[in-house]
N, C-alpha and C. Protein backbone atom coordinates (compact mmCIF):
# COMPACT_ATOMS: atom_id res chain seq x y z
N MET A 1 -39.41 33.17 -6.61
CA MET A 1 -40.33 32.96 -5.44
C MET A 1 -41.31 31.68 -5.47
N TYR A 2 -41.36 31.18 -6.64
CA TYR A 2 -42.18 30.07 -6.64
C TYR A 2 -41.70 28.91 -5.67
N LEU A 3 -40.41 28.65 -5.84
CA LEU A 3 -39.73 27.61 -4.98
C LEU A 3 -39.93 27.98 -3.49
N MET A 4 -39.94 29.18 -3.02
CA MET A 4 -40.29 29.30 -1.73
C MET A 4 -41.62 29.01 -1.36
N GLU A 5 -42.65 29.24 -2.30
CA GLU A 5 -43.95 28.81 -1.94
C GLU A 5 -44.17 27.28 -1.88
N GLN A 6 -43.42 26.62 -2.67
CA GLN A 6 -43.51 25.13 -2.54
C GLN A 6 -42.82 24.62 -1.36
N ILE A 7 -41.70 25.23 -0.94
CA ILE A 7 -41.06 24.76 0.34
C ILE A 7 -41.87 25.05 1.51
N ASP A 8 -42.55 26.24 1.54
CA ASP A 8 -43.43 26.55 2.68
C ASP A 8 -44.54 25.60 2.62
N ALA A 9 -45.04 25.15 1.61
CA ALA A 9 -46.26 24.17 1.46
C ALA A 9 -45.84 22.86 1.95
N ILE A 10 -44.58 22.49 1.60
CA ILE A 10 -44.14 21.15 2.27
C ILE A 10 -43.84 21.31 3.64
N ARG A 11 -43.37 22.41 4.16
CA ARG A 11 -43.10 22.64 5.44
C ARG A 11 -44.32 22.59 6.30
N GLU A 12 -45.40 23.16 5.80
CA GLU A 12 -46.69 23.10 6.45
C GLU A 12 -47.25 21.68 6.62
N ASP A 13 -47.21 20.93 5.45
CA ASP A 13 -47.64 19.60 5.42
C ASP A 13 -46.84 18.78 6.47
N LEU A 14 -45.55 18.85 6.51
CA LEU A 14 -44.74 18.21 7.54
C LEU A 14 -45.15 18.60 8.87
N THR A 15 -45.29 19.89 9.21
CA THR A 15 -45.56 20.36 10.41
C THR A 15 -46.96 19.78 10.99
N ILE A 16 -47.99 19.88 10.10
CA ILE A 16 -49.19 19.34 10.51
C ILE A 16 -49.17 17.86 10.68
N SER A 17 -48.32 17.13 9.84
CA SER A 17 -48.30 15.60 10.00
C SER A 17 -47.61 15.17 11.11
N ILE A 18 -46.58 15.96 11.68
CA ILE A 18 -45.73 15.54 12.80
C ILE A 18 -46.22 16.15 14.12
N HIS A 19 -46.80 17.36 14.02
CA HIS A 19 -47.23 18.05 15.41
C HIS A 19 -48.53 18.29 15.71
N THR A 20 -49.57 17.75 14.89
CA THR A 20 -50.92 17.87 15.23
C THR A 20 -51.56 16.38 15.34
N ILE A 21 -52.88 16.44 15.75
CA ILE A 21 -53.60 15.19 15.64
C ILE A 21 -54.30 15.01 14.52
N ASP A 22 -54.11 15.88 13.42
CA ASP A 22 -55.02 15.66 12.20
C ASP A 22 -53.90 15.70 11.03
N PRO A 23 -53.15 14.65 10.92
CA PRO A 23 -52.05 14.61 9.95
C PRO A 23 -52.57 14.66 8.55
N THR A 24 -51.80 15.24 7.61
CA THR A 24 -52.14 15.02 6.20
C THR A 24 -51.34 13.98 5.53
N LEU A 25 -50.22 13.71 6.04
CA LEU A 25 -49.29 12.59 5.59
C LEU A 25 -49.18 11.55 6.72
N THR A 26 -49.03 10.23 6.24
CA THR A 26 -48.63 9.02 7.14
C THR A 26 -47.28 9.08 7.44
N TYR A 27 -46.78 8.35 8.33
CA TYR A 27 -45.42 8.27 8.67
C TYR A 27 -44.61 7.78 7.60
N ASN A 28 -45.04 6.90 6.89
CA ASN A 28 -44.29 6.42 5.55
C ASN A 28 -44.29 7.38 4.49
N GLU A 29 -45.09 8.42 4.49
CA GLU A 29 -45.10 9.43 3.60
C GLU A 29 -44.01 10.56 3.89
N LEU A 30 -43.67 10.54 5.06
CA LEU A 30 -42.75 11.60 5.53
C LEU A 30 -41.55 11.66 4.99
N ALA A 31 -40.80 10.57 4.94
CA ALA A 31 -39.39 10.44 4.47
C ALA A 31 -39.30 11.03 3.04
N PRO A 32 -40.17 10.55 2.24
CA PRO A 32 -40.18 11.12 0.72
C PRO A 32 -40.37 12.52 0.71
N LYS A 33 -41.17 13.04 1.77
CA LYS A 33 -41.57 14.47 1.63
C LYS A 33 -40.39 15.31 2.19
N PHE A 34 -39.55 14.73 2.98
CA PHE A 34 -38.41 15.46 3.46
C PHE A 34 -37.28 15.37 2.34
N VAL A 35 -37.32 14.38 1.50
CA VAL A 35 -36.37 14.45 0.36
C VAL A 35 -36.75 15.52 -0.59
N GLU A 36 -37.99 15.50 -0.76
CA GLU A 36 -38.63 16.55 -1.79
C GLU A 36 -38.23 17.88 -1.28
N LEU A 37 -38.45 18.15 0.05
CA LEU A 37 -38.16 19.46 0.70
C LEU A 37 -36.60 19.77 0.56
N CYS A 38 -35.77 18.95 0.79
CA CYS A 38 -34.27 19.09 0.73
C CYS A 38 -33.87 19.38 -0.86
N ASP A 39 -34.53 18.62 -1.65
CA ASP A 39 -34.20 18.83 -3.07
C ASP A 39 -34.66 20.33 -3.65
N LEU A 40 -35.74 20.78 -3.07
CA LEU A 40 -36.19 22.30 -3.43
C LEU A 40 -35.22 23.27 -2.75
N ILE A 41 -34.82 22.91 -1.50
CA ILE A 41 -33.95 23.83 -0.76
C ILE A 41 -32.65 24.04 -1.58
N ASN A 42 -32.19 22.75 -1.98
CA ASN A 42 -30.87 22.70 -2.66
C ASN A 42 -30.87 23.47 -3.99
N GLN A 43 -32.02 23.56 -4.53
CA GLN A 43 -32.26 24.37 -5.85
C GLN A 43 -32.08 25.81 -5.64
N ILE A 44 -32.40 26.37 -4.38
CA ILE A 44 -32.35 27.76 -4.31
C ILE A 44 -31.12 28.14 -3.44
N THR A 45 -30.51 27.44 -2.67
CA THR A 45 -29.51 27.72 -1.89
C THR A 45 -28.19 27.79 -2.51
N ASP A 46 -28.07 28.23 -3.79
CA ASP A 46 -26.74 28.37 -4.47
C ASP A 46 -26.23 29.74 -4.17
N GLU A 47 -25.09 30.09 -4.82
CA GLU A 47 -24.58 31.44 -4.65
C GLU A 47 -25.33 32.63 -5.08
N SER A 48 -26.44 32.41 -5.96
CA SER A 48 -27.33 33.51 -6.48
C SER A 48 -28.34 33.91 -5.38
N MET A 49 -28.42 33.06 -4.43
CA MET A 49 -29.29 33.44 -3.31
C MET A 49 -28.89 34.55 -2.52
N ASP A 50 -29.62 35.68 -2.32
CA ASP A 50 -29.07 36.83 -1.65
C ASP A 50 -29.50 36.64 -0.06
N ASP A 51 -28.92 37.40 0.69
CA ASP A 51 -29.19 37.45 2.14
C ASP A 51 -30.60 37.62 2.58
N ILE A 52 -31.48 38.41 1.73
CA ILE A 52 -32.91 38.53 2.15
C ILE A 52 -33.65 37.21 1.86
N GLU A 53 -33.37 36.61 0.78
CA GLU A 53 -34.02 35.29 0.50
C GLU A 53 -33.52 34.23 1.45
N SER A 54 -32.21 34.18 1.78
CA SER A 54 -31.76 33.30 2.66
C SER A 54 -32.38 33.47 4.14
N GLU A 55 -32.59 34.73 4.63
CA GLU A 55 -33.10 34.91 5.79
C GLU A 55 -34.74 34.56 5.78
N GLU A 56 -35.31 34.80 4.58
CA GLU A 56 -36.88 34.43 4.41
C GLU A 56 -36.92 33.00 4.53
N LEU A 57 -36.03 32.08 3.80
CA LEU A 57 -36.10 30.63 3.91
C LEU A 57 -35.90 30.05 5.24
N TRP A 58 -34.91 30.58 5.94
CA TRP A 58 -34.58 30.08 7.29
C TRP A 58 -35.54 30.39 8.35
N CYS A 59 -36.35 31.43 8.16
CA CYS A 59 -37.43 31.79 9.16
C CYS A 59 -38.73 31.31 8.91
N LEU A 60 -38.91 30.51 7.76
CA LEU A 60 -40.18 29.88 7.46
C LEU A 60 -40.71 29.08 8.78
N GLY A 61 -41.92 29.31 8.93
CA GLY A 61 -42.58 28.64 10.05
C GLY A 61 -42.19 28.96 11.45
N GLU A 62 -41.51 30.30 11.69
CA GLU A 62 -40.90 30.64 12.91
C GLU A 62 -41.98 30.72 14.06
N ASN A 63 -43.21 31.06 13.60
CA ASN A 63 -44.30 31.36 14.50
C ASN A 63 -45.36 30.17 14.50
N SER A 64 -44.94 28.98 14.16
CA SER A 64 -45.87 27.83 14.09
C SER A 64 -45.34 26.85 15.05
N TYR A 65 -45.90 25.65 14.94
CA TYR A 65 -45.51 24.62 15.72
C TYR A 65 -44.01 24.25 15.55
N ALA A 66 -43.42 24.30 14.33
CA ALA A 66 -42.08 24.06 14.10
C ALA A 66 -41.62 24.84 12.82
N SER A 67 -40.51 25.51 13.13
CA SER A 67 -39.67 26.25 12.09
C SER A 67 -39.19 25.32 11.01
N ILE A 68 -38.90 25.77 9.99
CA ILE A 68 -38.20 24.86 8.91
C ILE A 68 -36.86 24.31 9.59
N THR A 69 -36.13 25.01 10.29
CA THR A 69 -34.82 24.57 10.84
C THR A 69 -35.27 23.45 11.95
N ASP A 70 -36.32 23.66 12.70
CA ASP A 70 -36.65 22.67 13.77
C ASP A 70 -36.87 21.32 13.05
N LEU A 71 -37.70 21.40 11.87
CA LEU A 71 -38.17 20.12 11.17
C LEU A 71 -36.81 19.51 10.65
N ILE A 72 -35.86 20.20 10.02
CA ILE A 72 -34.71 19.73 9.30
C ILE A 72 -33.71 19.06 10.33
N ILE A 73 -33.55 19.66 11.40
CA ILE A 73 -32.69 19.13 12.36
C ILE A 73 -33.18 18.05 13.19
N GLY A 74 -34.42 18.08 13.52
CA GLY A 74 -35.23 17.05 14.28
C GLY A 74 -35.34 15.71 13.44
N ALA A 75 -35.63 16.10 12.23
CA ALA A 75 -35.74 14.83 11.28
C ALA A 75 -34.50 14.23 10.90
N PHE A 76 -33.32 15.09 10.85
CA PHE A 76 -31.98 14.55 10.60
C PHE A 76 -31.63 13.68 11.76
N TRP A 77 -31.84 13.91 12.84
CA TRP A 77 -31.44 12.99 13.97
C TRP A 77 -32.43 11.77 14.09
N HIS A 78 -33.67 12.14 13.86
CA HIS A 78 -34.59 10.79 13.71
C HIS A 78 -34.04 9.91 12.65
N TYR A 79 -33.86 10.32 11.59
CA TYR A 79 -33.55 9.27 10.62
C TYR A 79 -32.04 8.71 10.78
N THR A 80 -31.38 9.36 11.62
CA THR A 80 -30.05 8.52 11.79
C THR A 80 -30.43 7.33 12.61
N GLU A 81 -31.36 7.26 13.31
CA GLU A 81 -31.70 6.20 14.31
C GLU A 81 -32.75 5.39 13.64
N TRP A 82 -33.70 5.77 12.74
CA TRP A 82 -34.76 5.21 12.38
C TRP A 82 -34.80 5.07 10.84
N HIS A 83 -33.99 4.28 10.23
CA HIS A 83 -33.97 3.75 8.85
C HIS A 83 -33.74 2.19 8.70
N SER A 84 -34.09 1.72 7.60
CA SER A 84 -34.01 0.38 7.42
C SER A 84 -32.92 0.00 6.37
N GLY A 85 -31.80 0.71 6.47
CA GLY A 85 -30.71 0.44 5.52
C GLY A 85 -30.80 1.31 4.36
N GLN A 86 -29.71 1.12 3.40
CA GLN A 86 -29.37 2.04 2.49
C GLN A 86 -30.56 2.14 1.32
N ASP A 87 -31.31 1.04 1.17
CA ASP A 87 -32.37 1.20 0.30
C ASP A 87 -33.72 1.61 0.76
N SER A 88 -33.78 2.15 2.04
CA SER A 88 -35.05 2.58 2.64
C SER A 88 -35.32 3.97 2.30
N ASP A 89 -36.50 4.40 2.58
CA ASP A 89 -36.89 5.83 2.47
C ASP A 89 -36.39 6.65 3.50
N GLY A 90 -36.25 5.96 4.72
CA GLY A 90 -35.61 6.65 5.83
C GLY A 90 -34.24 7.12 5.61
N TYR A 91 -33.49 6.20 5.04
CA TYR A 91 -32.13 6.38 4.67
C TYR A 91 -31.89 7.53 3.66
N LYS A 92 -32.77 7.50 2.55
CA LYS A 92 -32.83 8.50 1.63
C LYS A 92 -33.03 9.81 2.29
N ALA A 93 -33.91 9.75 3.12
CA ALA A 93 -34.29 11.19 4.00
C ALA A 93 -33.04 11.65 4.64
N TYR A 94 -32.47 10.71 5.43
CA TYR A 94 -31.28 11.00 6.14
C TYR A 94 -30.18 11.65 5.22
N CYS A 95 -29.97 11.07 4.06
CA CYS A 95 -28.95 11.55 3.19
C CYS A 95 -29.33 12.88 2.65
N ALA A 96 -30.51 13.12 2.23
CA ALA A 96 -31.03 14.42 1.70
C ALA A 96 -30.99 15.41 2.81
N LEU A 97 -31.33 15.21 4.08
CA LEU A 97 -31.11 16.05 5.00
C LEU A 97 -29.73 16.55 5.32
N SER A 98 -28.75 15.56 5.07
CA SER A 98 -27.43 15.76 5.23
C SER A 98 -26.87 16.81 4.31
N THR A 99 -27.54 16.99 3.23
CA THR A 99 -27.08 17.99 2.23
C THR A 99 -27.47 19.46 2.75
N ILE A 100 -28.37 19.48 3.66
CA ILE A 100 -28.95 20.69 4.12
C ILE A 100 -28.27 21.01 5.58
N TYR A 101 -28.15 20.07 6.48
CA TYR A 101 -27.85 20.20 7.72
C TYR A 101 -26.42 19.44 7.99
N ASP A 102 -25.43 20.08 8.53
CA ASP A 102 -24.23 19.42 8.92
C ASP A 102 -24.15 19.45 10.45
N CYS A 103 -24.22 18.23 11.23
CA CYS A 103 -24.28 18.15 12.57
C CYS A 103 -22.99 18.36 13.23
N GLY A 104 -22.04 18.35 12.50
CA GLY A 104 -20.69 18.65 13.13
C GLY A 104 -20.42 17.64 14.26
N MET A 105 -20.08 18.11 15.49
CA MET A 105 -19.73 17.52 16.62
C MET A 105 -20.88 17.41 17.68
N THR A 106 -22.20 17.77 17.16
CA THR A 106 -23.44 17.74 17.99
C THR A 106 -24.06 16.42 18.15
N SER A 107 -24.90 16.22 18.92
CA SER A 107 -25.70 15.09 19.23
C SER A 107 -27.11 15.44 19.00
N ALA A 108 -27.95 14.36 19.13
CA ALA A 108 -29.45 14.48 18.96
C ALA A 108 -29.95 15.58 20.07
N PRO A 109 -31.01 16.35 19.53
CA PRO A 109 -31.41 17.40 20.50
C PRO A 109 -32.06 16.85 21.75
N ASP A 110 -32.04 17.62 22.78
CA ASP A 110 -32.57 17.19 24.04
C ASP A 110 -33.94 18.04 24.28
N GLU A 111 -34.57 17.78 25.42
CA GLU A 111 -35.83 18.41 25.63
C GLU A 111 -35.78 19.93 25.75
N THR A 112 -34.63 20.55 26.05
CA THR A 112 -34.60 21.97 26.14
C THR A 112 -34.43 22.51 24.69
N GLU A 113 -34.18 21.96 23.53
CA GLU A 113 -34.04 22.49 22.32
C GLU A 113 -35.26 22.50 21.53
N SER A 114 -35.47 23.49 20.63
CA SER A 114 -36.78 23.51 19.85
C SER A 114 -36.86 22.19 18.85
N GLU A 115 -35.72 21.76 18.45
CA GLU A 115 -35.75 20.72 17.50
C GLU A 115 -36.21 19.39 18.10
N TRP A 116 -36.20 19.19 19.45
CA TRP A 116 -36.63 18.00 20.09
C TRP A 116 -38.03 17.62 19.74
N ALA A 117 -38.90 18.58 19.68
CA ALA A 117 -40.33 18.21 19.53
C ALA A 117 -40.42 17.38 18.16
N THR A 118 -39.81 17.90 17.16
CA THR A 118 -39.88 17.10 15.90
C THR A 118 -39.21 15.74 15.93
N TYR A 119 -38.07 15.69 16.57
CA TYR A 119 -37.28 14.56 16.81
C TYR A 119 -38.12 13.50 17.52
N HIS A 120 -38.62 14.01 18.69
CA HIS A 120 -39.47 13.16 19.54
C HIS A 120 -40.78 12.57 18.90
N SER A 121 -41.37 13.57 18.25
CA SER A 121 -42.64 13.17 17.63
C SER A 121 -42.54 12.13 16.51
N LEU A 122 -41.45 12.39 15.70
CA LEU A 122 -41.20 11.36 14.60
C LEU A 122 -40.78 10.02 15.16
N GLY A 123 -40.20 10.02 16.38
CA GLY A 123 -39.89 8.75 17.08
C GLY A 123 -41.28 8.13 17.48
N GLU A 124 -42.23 8.76 18.01
CA GLU A 124 -43.51 8.25 18.44
C GLU A 124 -44.19 7.85 17.37
N LEU A 125 -44.34 8.56 16.24
CA LEU A 125 -44.91 8.12 15.09
C LEU A 125 -44.41 6.70 14.47
N ALA A 126 -43.14 6.66 14.48
CA ALA A 126 -42.39 5.61 13.93
C ALA A 126 -42.85 4.21 14.73
N GLN A 127 -43.15 4.40 16.10
CA GLN A 127 -43.51 3.27 16.75
C GLN A 127 -45.00 2.83 16.64
N GLU A 128 -45.67 3.67 16.02
CA GLU A 128 -47.20 3.37 15.87
C GLU A 128 -47.44 2.19 14.85
């Protein structure tokens, strides 16, 4: 369960930094933090993870500004558009997020989807 606590702490830092006016991380610190989040998730989402743990993971932050899935999907789409090439932190975040989220034939979220708030807010932060 220690990994779940680390994942939730990172989710909380990301949520506060993206969705509130009192961020704990700067925009430039967000991409490496998403890489760290994905690395931790990949450590626990192997075949040994049971259904209860899986449900607990994907429900993290469900009653906050953004759930873990909102953060992952919104950030995935943000970093598809906002990176500076293969050596950039944004591209590293995009690659790490693609190990967690497979977009299939979908497109970036729109205003009717919960992931849009993260996607939109990251875009606003990138322009500052």
